[in-house]
Structures are given as C-alpha cells and as structure tokens.
PDB file of N, CA and C in Angstrom:
ATOM      1  N   MET A   1     -15.506  29.448 -23.592  1.00  0.00           N
ATOM      2  CA  MET A   1     -15.572  29.167 -22.188  1.00  0.00           C
ATOM      3  C   MET A   1     -14.244  28.532 -21.763  1.00  0.00           C
ATOM      4  N   THR A   2     -13.708  28.986 -20.667  1.00  0.00           N
ATOM      5  CA  THR A   2     -12.451  28.437 -20.166  1.00  0.00           C
ATOM      6  C   THR A   2     -12.696  27.670 -18.876  1.00  0.00           C
ATOM      7  N   THR A   3     -11.807  26.777 -18.600  1.00  0.00           N
ATOM      8  CA  THR A   3     -11.901  26.036 -17.339  1.00  0.00           C
ATOM      9  C   THR A   3     -10.645  26.280 -16.524  1.00  0.00           C
ATOM     10  N   LYS A   4     -10.796  26.153 -15.251  1.00  0.00           N
ATOM     11  CA  LYS A   4      -9.660  26.332 -14.367  1.00  0.00           C
ATOM     12  C   LYS A   4      -8.851  25.043 -14.336  1.00  0.00           C
ATOM     13  N   PRO A   5      -7.555  25.149 -14.134  1.00  0.00           N
ATOM     14  CA  PRO A   5      -6.754  23.927 -14.006  1.00  0.00           C
ATOM     15  C   PRO A   5      -7.104  23.218 -12.695  1.00  0.00           C
ATOM     16  N   PRO A   6      -6.906  21.920 -12.664  1.00  0.00           N
ATOM     17  CA  PRO A   6      -7.221  21.200 -11.427  1.00  0.00           C
ATOM     18  C   PRO A   6      -6.276  21.621 -10.308  1.00  0.00           C
ATOM     19  N   PRO A   7      -6.714  21.480  -9.081  1.00  0.00           N
ATOM     20  CA  PRO A   7      -5.818  21.846  -7.980  1.00  0.00           C
ATOM     21  C   PRO A   7      -4.615  20.905  -7.937  1.00  0.00           C
ATOM     22  N   SER A   8      -3.522  21.418  -7.430  1.00  0.00           N
ATOM     23  CA  SER A   8      -2.324  20.581  -7.352  1.00  0.00           C
ATOM     24  C   SER A   8      -2.501  19.535  -6.254  1.00  0.00           C
ATOM     25  N   VAL A   9      -1.793  18.446  -6.404  1.00  0.00           N
ATOM     26  CA  VAL A   9      -1.861  17.360  -5.431  1.00  0.00           C
ATOM     27  C   VAL A   9      -0.707  17.527  -4.464  1.00  0.00           C
ATOM     28  N   LYS A  10      -1.024  17.530  -3.193  1.00  0.00           N
ATOM     29  CA  LYS A  10       0.015  17.646  -2.182  1.00  0.00           C
ATOM     30  C   LYS A  10       0.414  16.235  -1.755  1.00  0.00           C
ATOM     31  N   GLU A  11       1.649  15.880  -2.027  1.00  0.00           N
ATOM     32  CA  GLU A  11       2.159  14.550  -1.692  1.00  0.00           C
ATOM     33  C   GLU A  11       2.412  14.443  -0.195  1.00  0.00           C
ATOM     34  N   PHE A  12       2.261  13.218   0.341  1.00  0.00           N
ATOM     35  CA  PHE A  12       2.628  12.982   1.721  1.00  0.00           C
ATOM     36  C   PHE A  12       4.144  13.054   1.844  1.00  0.00           C
ATOM     37  N   PRO A  13       4.663  13.461   2.988  1.00  0.00           N
ATOM     38  CA  PRO A  13       6.124  13.432   3.184  1.00  0.00           C
ATOM     39  C   PRO A  13       6.650  12.008   3.029  1.00  0.00           C
ATOM     40  N   SER A  14       7.886  11.867   2.593  1.00  0.00           N
ATOM     41  CA  SER A  14       8.429  10.544   2.283  1.00  0.00           C
ATOM     42  C   SER A  14       8.525   9.628   3.498  1.00  0.00           C
ATOM     43  N   GLU A  15       8.539  10.177   4.696  1.00  0.00           N
ATOM     44  CA  GLU A  15       8.642   9.351   5.903  1.00  0.00           C
ATOM     45  C   GLU A  15       7.295   9.130   6.592  1.00  0.00           C
ATOM     46  N   SER A  16       6.200   9.535   5.971  1.00  0.00           N
ATOM     47  CA  SER A  16       4.887   9.351   6.595  1.00  0.00           C
ATOM     48  C   SER A  16       4.430   7.900   6.437  1.00  0.00           C
ATOM     49  N   TRP A  17       3.579   7.464   7.342  1.00  0.00           N
ATOM     50  CA  TRP A  17       3.039   6.097   7.289  1.00  0.00           C
ATOM     51  C   TRP A  17       2.308   5.853   5.976  1.00  0.00           C
ATOM     52  N   GLU A  18       1.584   6.860   5.512  1.00  0.00           N
ATOM     53  CA  GLU A  18       0.817   6.709   4.282  1.00  0.00           C
ATOM     54  C   GLU A  18       1.729   6.426   3.088  1.00  0.00           C
ATOM     55  N   LYS A  19       2.776   7.235   2.964  1.00  0.00           N
ATOM     56  CA  LYS A  19       3.703   7.085   1.839  1.00  0.00           C
ATOM     57  C   LYS A  19       4.409   5.733   1.892  1.00  0.00           C
ATOM     58  N   ILE A  20       4.841   5.335   3.081  1.00  0.00           N
ATOM     59  CA  ILE A  20       5.528   4.054   3.254  1.00  0.00           C
ATOM     60  C   ILE A  20       4.603   2.897   2.863  1.00  0.00           C
ATOM     61  N   ALA A  21       3.359   2.933   3.319  1.00  0.00           N
ATOM     62  CA  ALA A  21       2.412   1.843   3.049  1.00  0.00           C
ATOM     63  C   ALA A  21       2.105   1.730   1.559  1.00  0.00           C
ATOM     64  N   TYR A  22       1.771   2.843   0.929  1.00  0.00           N
ATOM     65  CA  TYR A  22       1.406   2.800  -0.487  1.00  0.00           C
ATOM     66  C   TYR A  22       2.593   2.438  -1.364  1.00  0.00           C
ATOM     67  N   GLU A  23       3.793   2.908  -1.012  1.00  0.00           N
ATOM     68  CA  GLU A  23       4.976   2.546  -1.791  1.00  0.00           C
ATOM     69  C   GLU A  23       5.342   1.079  -1.621  1.00  0.00           C
ATOM     70  N   SER A  24       5.072   0.512  -0.451  1.00  0.00           N
ATOM     71  CA  SER A  24       5.386  -0.899  -0.220  1.00  0.00           C
ATOM     72  C   SER A  24       4.523  -1.806  -1.097  1.00  0.00           C
ATOM     73  N   ALA A  25       3.331  -1.336  -1.464  1.00  0.00           N
ATOM     74  CA  ALA A  25       2.414  -2.136  -2.278  1.00  0.00           C
ATOM     75  C   ALA A  25       2.528  -1.832  -3.767  1.00  0.00           C
ATOM     76  N   ARG A  26       3.243  -0.783  -4.124  1.00  0.00           N
ATOM     77  CA  ARG A  26       3.266  -0.337  -5.521  1.00  0.00           C
ATOM     78  C   ARG A  26       3.846  -1.361  -6.497  1.00  0.00           C
ATOM     79  N   SER A  27       4.786  -2.188  -6.050  1.00  0.00           N
ATOM     80  CA  SER A  27       5.443  -3.123  -6.973  1.00  0.00           C
ATOM     81  C   SER A  27       4.696  -4.449  -7.141  1.00  0.00           C
ATOM     82  N   ILE A  28       3.550  -4.602  -6.490  1.00  0.00           N
ATOM     83  CA  ILE A  28       2.764  -5.827  -6.605  1.00  0.00           C
ATOM     84  C   ILE A  28       1.997  -5.794  -7.936  1.00  0.00           C
ATOM     85  N   PRO A  29       2.123  -6.837  -8.749  1.00  0.00           N
ATOM     86  CA  PRO A  29       1.330  -6.862  -9.985  1.00  0.00           C
ATOM     87  C   PRO A  29      -0.146  -7.098  -9.667  1.00  0.00           C
ATOM     88  N   ALA A  30      -0.989  -6.197 -10.135  1.00  0.00           N
ATOM     89  CA  ALA A  30      -2.431  -6.285  -9.862  1.00  0.00           C
ATOM     90  C   ALA A  30      -3.200  -6.031 -11.150  1.00  0.00           C
ATOM     91  N   GLN A  31      -4.485  -6.387 -11.123  1.00  0.00           N
ATOM     92  CA  GLN A  31      -5.316  -6.226 -12.322  1.00  0.00           C
ATOM     93  C   GLN A  31      -5.580  -4.763 -12.651  1.00  0.00           C
ATOM     94  N   GLU A  32      -5.789  -3.933 -11.627  1.00  0.00           N
ATOM     95  CA  GLU A  32      -6.105  -2.524 -11.844  1.00  0.00           C
ATOM     96  C   GLU A  32      -5.376  -1.667 -10.815  1.00  0.00           C
ATOM     97  N   PRO A  33      -5.107  -0.398 -11.135  1.00  0.00           N
ATOM     98  CA  PRO A  33      -4.446   0.483 -10.167  1.00  0.00           C
ATOM     99  C   PRO A  33      -5.219   0.603  -8.848  1.00  0.00           C
ATOM    100  N   ASN A  34      -6.541   0.557  -8.911  1.00  0.00           N
ATOM    101  CA  ASN A  34      -7.326   0.684  -7.692  1.00  0.00           C
ATOM    102  C   ASN A  34      -7.091  -0.499  -6.743  1.00  0.00           C
ATOM    103  N   ASP A  35      -6.730  -1.659  -7.288  1.00  0.00           N
ATOM    104  CA  ASP A  35      -6.399  -2.793  -6.433  1.00  0.00           C
ATOM    105  C   ASP A  35      -5.184  -2.470  -5.567  1.00  0.00           C
ATOM    106  N   LEU A  36      -4.221  -1.760  -6.125  1.00  0.00           N
ATOM    107  CA  LEU A  36      -3.042  -1.361  -5.360  1.00  0.00           C
ATOM    108  C   LEU A  36      -3.389  -0.293  -4.336  1.00  0.00           C
ATOM    109  N   ASN A  37      -4.344   0.573  -4.666  1.00  0.00           N
ATOM    110  CA  ASN A  37      -4.787   1.565  -3.690  1.00  0.00           C
ATOM    111  C   ASN A  37      -5.433   0.887  -2.491  1.00  0.00           C
ATOM    112  N   ARG A  38      -6.283  -0.112  -2.750  1.00  0.00           N
ATOM    113  CA  ARG A  38      -6.910  -0.851  -1.643  1.00  0.00           C
ATOM    114  C   ARG A  38      -5.870  -1.574  -0.804  1.00  0.00           C
ATOM    115  N   LEU A  39      -4.912  -2.194  -1.474  1.00  0.00           N
ATOM    116  CA  LEU A  39      -3.859  -2.912  -0.774  1.00  0.00           C
ATOM    117  C   LEU A  39      -3.026  -1.946   0.073  1.00  0.00           C
ATOM    118  N   GLY A  40      -2.639  -0.830  -0.511  1.00  0.00           N
ATOM    119  CA  GLY A  40      -1.875   0.175   0.224  1.00  0.00           C
ATOM    120  C   GLY A  40      -2.634   0.700   1.428  1.00  0.00           C
ATOM    121  N   TYR A  41      -3.943   0.916   1.265  1.00  0.00           N
ATOM    122  CA  TYR A  41      -4.757   1.396   2.375  1.00  0.00           C
ATOM    123  C   TYR A  41      -4.766   0.389   3.518  1.00  0.00           C
ATOM    124  N   HIS A  42      -4.906  -0.881   3.219  1.00  0.00           N
ATOM    125  CA  HIS A  42      -4.947  -1.897   4.275  1.00  0.00           C
ATOM    126  C   HIS A  42      -3.579  -2.086   4.934  1.00  0.00           C
ATOM    127  N   VAL A  43      -2.510  -1.923   4.174  1.00  0.00           N
ATOM    128  CA  VAL A  43      -1.174  -1.959   4.778  1.00  0.00           C
ATOM    129  C   VAL A  43      -1.025  -0.762   5.721  1.00  0.00           C
ATOM    130  N   TRP A  44      -1.488   0.404   5.302  1.00  0.00           N
ATOM    131  CA  TRP A  44      -1.440   1.591   6.149  1.00  0.00           C
ATOM    132  C   TRP A  44      -2.235   1.371   7.428  1.00  0.00           C
ATOM    133  N   GLN A  45      -3.448   0.826   7.303  1.00  0.00           N
ATOM    134  CA  GLN A  45      -4.264   0.539   8.494  1.00  0.00           C
ATOM    135  C   GLN A  45      -3.515  -0.386   9.446  1.00  0.00           C
ATOM    136  N   TRP A  46      -2.853  -1.396   8.898  1.00  0.00           N
ATOM    137  CA  TRP A  46      -2.112  -2.324   9.736  1.00  0.00           C
ATOM    138  C   TRP A  46      -0.939  -1.620  10.424  1.00  0.00           C
ATOM    139  N   LEU A  47      -0.226  -0.767   9.685  1.00  0.00           N
ATOM    140  CA  LEU A  47       0.902  -0.045  10.277  1.00  0.00           C
ATOM    141  C   LEU A  47       0.466   0.856  11.435  1.00  0.00           C
ATOM    142  N   VAL A  48      -0.662   1.511  11.267  1.00  0.00           N
ATOM    143  CA  VAL A  48      -1.136   2.457  12.277  1.00  0.00           C
ATOM    144  C   VAL A  48      -1.698   1.741  13.502  1.00  0.00           C
ATOM    145  N   HIS A  49      -2.518   0.714  13.287  1.00  0.00           N
ATOM    146  CA  HIS A  49      -3.231   0.087  14.403  1.00  0.00           C
ATOM    147  C   HIS A  49      -2.610  -1.210  14.891  1.00  0.00           C
ATOM    148  N   ARG A  50      -1.826  -1.878  14.049  1.00  0.00           N
ATOM    149  CA  ARG A  50      -1.192  -3.162  14.375  1.00  0.00           C
ATOM    150  C   ARG A  50      -2.195  -4.178  14.923  1.00  0.00           C
ATOM    151  N   GLU A  51      -3.355  -4.207  14.316  1.00  0.00           N
ATOM    152  CA  GLU A  51      -4.369  -5.200  14.668  1.00  0.00           C
ATOM    153  C   GLU A  51      -4.276  -6.354  13.676  1.00  0.00           C
ATOM    154  N   GLY A  52      -4.180  -7.569  14.196  1.00  0.00           N
ATOM    155  CA  GLY A  52      -4.047  -8.727  13.329  1.00  0.00           C
ATOM    156  C   GLY A  52      -2.638  -8.808  12.775  1.00  0.00           C
ATOM    157  N   THR A  53      -2.520  -9.488  11.645  1.00  0.00           N
ATOM    158  CA  THR A  53      -1.207  -9.646  11.014  1.00  0.00           C
ATOM    159  C   THR A  53      -1.196  -8.945   9.662  1.00  0.00           C
ATOM    160  N   LEU A  54      -0.010  -8.761   9.139  1.00  0.00           N
ATOM    161  CA  LEU A  54       0.123  -8.165   7.810  1.00  0.00           C
ATOM    162  C   LEU A  54      -0.509  -9.078   6.765  1.00  0.00           C
ATOM    163  N   ALA A  55      -0.363 -10.386   6.946  1.00  0.00           N
ATOM    164  CA  ALA A  55      -0.974 -11.338   6.010  1.00  0.00           C
ATOM    165  C   ALA A  55      -2.494 -11.185   5.993  1.00  0.00           C
ATOM    166  N   GLU A  56      -3.094 -10.976   7.170  1.00  0.00           N
ATOM    167  CA  GLU A  56      -4.544 -10.765   7.231  1.00  0.00           C
ATOM    168  C   GLU A  56      -4.939  -9.474   6.529  1.00  0.00           C
ATOM    169  N   ALA A  57      -4.138  -8.421   6.696  1.00  0.00           N
ATOM    170  CA  ALA A  57      -4.436  -7.142   6.045  1.00  0.00           C
ATOM    171  C   ALA A  57      -4.408  -7.290   4.529  1.00  0.00           C
ATOM    172  N   ILE A  58      -3.465  -8.072   4.025  1.00  0.00           N
ATOM    173  CA  ILE A  58      -3.375  -8.301   2.582  1.00  0.00           C
ATOM    174  C   ILE A  58      -4.603  -9.054   2.090  1.00  0.00           C
ATOM    175  N   THR A  59      -5.025 -10.064   2.829  1.00  0.00           N
ATOM    176  CA  THR A  59      -6.203 -10.841   2.446  1.00  0.00           C
ATOM    177  C   THR A  59      -7.476 -10.005   2.514  1.00  0.00           C
ATOM    178  N   ILE A  60      -7.626  -9.248   3.586  1.00  0.00           N
ATOM    179  CA  ILE A  60      -8.830  -8.432   3.785  1.00  0.00           C
ATOM    180  C   ILE A  60      -8.974  -7.363   2.711  1.00  0.00           C
ATOM    181  N   SER A  61      -7.854  -6.909   2.162  1.00  0.00           N
ATOM    182  CA  SER A  61      -7.914  -5.837   1.156  1.00  0.00           C
ATOM    183  C   SER A  61      -8.756  -6.239  -0.058  1.00  0.00           C
ATOM    184  N   GLY A  62      -8.793  -7.522  -0.364  1.00  0.00           N
ATOM    185  CA  GLY A  62      -9.569  -7.978  -1.510  1.00  0.00           C
ATOM    186  C   GLY A  62      -8.959  -7.578  -2.844  1.00  0.00           C
ATOM    187  N   SER A  63      -7.705  -7.178  -2.839  1.00  0.00           N
ATOM    188  CA  SER A  63      -7.032  -6.773  -4.075  1.00  0.00           C
ATOM    189  C   SER A  63      -6.848  -7.967  -4.992  1.00  0.00           C
ATOM    190  N   ARG A  64      -7.087  -7.739  -6.271  1.00  0.00           N
ATOM    191  CA  ARG A  64      -6.931  -8.801  -7.268  1.00  0.00           C
ATOM    192  C   ARG A  64      -5.504  -8.782  -7.781  1.00  0.00           C
ATOM    193  N   MET A  65      -4.665  -9.521  -7.090  1.00  0.00           N
ATOM    194  CA  MET A  65      -3.247  -9.562  -7.418  1.00  0.00           C
ATOM    195  C   MET A  65      -2.977 -10.687  -8.400  1.00  0.00           C
ATOM    196  N   GLU A  66      -1.937 -10.519  -9.188  1.00  0.00           N
ATOM    197  CA  GLU A  66      -1.562 -11.537 -10.164  1.00  0.00           C
ATOM    198  C   GLU A  66      -0.500 -12.484  -9.612  1.00  0.00           C
ATOM    199  N   ILE A  67      -0.236 -12.368  -8.312  1.00  0.00           N
ATOM    200  CA  ILE A  67       0.666 -13.287  -7.620  1.00  0.00           C
ATOM    201  C   ILE A  67      -0.070 -13.793  -6.381  1.00  0.00           C
ATOM    202  N   SER A  68       0.504 -14.793  -5.737  1.00  0.00           N
ATOM    203  CA  SER A  68      -0.149 -15.347  -4.549  1.00  0.00           C
ATOM    204  C   SER A  68      -0.029 -14.374  -3.374  1.00  0.00           C
ATOM    205  N   HIS A  69      -0.874 -14.585  -2.388  1.00  0.00           N
ATOM    206  CA  HIS A  69      -0.834 -13.747  -1.186  1.00  0.00           C
ATOM    207  C   HIS A  69       0.502 -13.925  -0.457  1.00  0.00           C
ATOM    208  N   GLU A  70       1.052 -15.124  -0.502  1.00  0.00           N
ATOM    209  CA  GLU A  70       2.330 -15.388   0.161  1.00  0.00           C
ATOM    210  C   GLU A  70       3.457 -14.591  -0.503  1.00  0.00           C
ATOM    211  N   GLU A  71       3.451 -14.551  -1.834  1.00  0.00           N
ATOM    212  CA  GLU A  71       4.462 -13.778  -2.547  1.00  0.00           C
ATOM    213  C   GLU A  71       4.296 -12.284  -2.264  1.00  0.00           C
ATOM    214  N   ALA A  72       3.049 -11.825  -2.243  1.00  0.00           N
ATOM    215  CA  ALA A  72       2.783 -10.417  -1.943  1.00  0.00           C
ATOM    216  C   ALA A  72       3.260 -10.084  -0.532  1.00  0.00           C
ATOM    217  N   LEU A  73       3.032 -10.977   0.405  1.00  0.00           N
ATOM    218  CA  LEU A  73       3.483 -10.761   1.783  1.00  0.00           C
ATOM    219  C   LEU A  73       5.000 -10.628   1.834  1.00  0.00           C
ATOM    220  N   LYS A  74       5.705 -11.484   1.101  1.00  0.00           N
ATOM    221  CA  LYS A  74       7.173 -11.410   1.063  1.00  0.00           C
ATOM    222  C   LYS A  74       7.633 -10.067   0.514  1.00  0.00           C
ATOM    223  N   ILE A  75       7.046  -9.639  -0.586  1.00  0.00           N
ATOM    224  CA  ILE A  75       7.452  -8.393  -1.241  1.00  0.00           C
ATOM    225  C   ILE A  75       7.170  -7.195  -0.334  1.00  0.00           C
ATOM    226  N   ILE A  76       5.964  -7.138   0.221  1.00  0.00           N
ATOM    227  CA  ILE A  76       5.590  -6.007   1.071  1.00  0.00           C
ATOM    228  C   ILE A  76       6.438  -5.994   2.340  1.00  0.00           C
ATOM    229  N   SER A  77       6.650  -7.159   2.938  1.00  0.00           N
ATOM    230  CA  SER A  77       7.478  -7.237   4.145  1.00  0.00           C
ATOM    231  C   SER A  77       8.894  -6.736   3.868  1.00  0.00           C
ATOM    232  N   GLU A  78       9.447  -7.153   2.749  1.00  0.00           N
ATOM    233  CA  GLU A  78      10.805  -6.721   2.378  1.00  0.00           C
ATOM    234  C   GLU A  78      10.845  -5.210   2.167  1.00  0.00           C
ATOM    235  N   ASN A  79       9.839  -4.666   1.484  1.00  0.00           N
ATOM    236  CA  ASN A  79       9.789  -3.226   1.247  1.00  0.00           C
ATOM    237  C   ASN A  79       9.682  -2.455   2.563  1.00  0.00           C
ATOM    238  N   LEU A  80       8.897  -2.975   3.507  1.00  0.00           N
ATOM    239  CA  LEU A  80       8.759  -2.311   4.801  1.00  0.00           C
ATOM    240  C   LEU A  80      10.061  -2.389   5.596  1.00  0.00           C
ATOM    241  N   ARG A  81      10.724  -3.538   5.541  1.00  0.00           N
ATOM    242  CA  ARG A  81      12.009  -3.668   6.251  1.00  0.00           C
ATOM    243  C   ARG A  81      13.051  -2.699   5.704  1.00  0.00           C
ATOM    244  N   LYS A  82      13.042  -2.510   4.386  1.00  0.00           N
ATOM    245  CA  LYS A  82      13.984  -1.563   3.771  1.00  0.00           C
ATOM    246  C   LYS A  82      13.763  -0.154   4.290  1.00  0.00           C
ATOM    247  N   ARG A  83      12.528   0.153   4.670  1.00  0.00           N
ATOM    248  CA  ARG A  83      12.189   1.490   5.188  1.00  0.00           C
ATOM    249  C   ARG A  83      12.363   1.559   6.716  1.00  0.00           C
ATOM    250  N   GLY A  84      12.841   0.465   7.320  1.00  0.00           N
ATOM    251  CA  GLY A  84      13.112   0.480   8.753  1.00  0.00           C
ATOM    252  C   GLY A  84      11.932   0.109   9.634  1.00  0.00           C
ATOM    253  N   ILE A  85      10.883  -0.474   9.047  1.00  0.00           N
ATOM    254  CA  ILE A  85       9.712  -0.873   9.822  1.00  0.00           C
ATOM    255  C   ILE A  85       9.953  -2.249  10.413  1.00  0.00           C
ATOM    256  N   GLN A  86       9.789  -2.362  11.718  1.00  0.00           N
ATOM    257  CA  GLN A  86       9.919  -3.664  12.390  1.00  0.00           C
ATOM    258  C   GLN A  86       8.604  -4.413  12.263  1.00  0.00           C
ATOM    259  N   LEU A  87       8.665  -5.657  11.797  1.00  0.00           N
ATOM    260  CA  LEU A  87       7.445  -6.455  11.634  1.00  0.00           C
ATOM    261  C   LEU A  87       7.235  -7.370  12.805  1.00  0.00           C
TER     262      LEU A  87
END
C-alpha cells in the first residue's frame, strides 16, 4: 500500500502581516513551539486591529515564555521596527 505525499505548504509573502508577526515572535525563547504560534497569532491580531497595546497582546497570548513579558515586548517591538512597523 502506498501513501500520497503531503500537500506542499504555501508560505505567506515576506511583506504580509502574518509573516511579519510570526517572524517577530520567532526569536522569543518559549517552552514549546506552539507557544510561539500563539504569541505570533496575537501579535498579528494586534497589527491588524490595533486594539489595546502590544504589551496586552503579549500577555493575552498566554505563551509560556522563558523571559519576562517586558523583555519579550522589547524584542518584538525591535523586530517590528526593523520591518518598518510604526508602534
């Protein structure tokens, strides 16, 4: 019996909000990869809707980070600024 290969994954364009948000959170040390996915999702939500603050989005994500929320905010803010996002 043979199986079909999995479908290919289509990456978001490098300038899309999704790619920017998830890449901004990628360098945060976390307990599990899914914690970074949750964090990236909440950063993306904040970028799209601009409701509340970025610090609130980081807290609401519930990601289990191995650094403080303040340090994570600094790192994510810096990553977003490098991509030209005004905070």
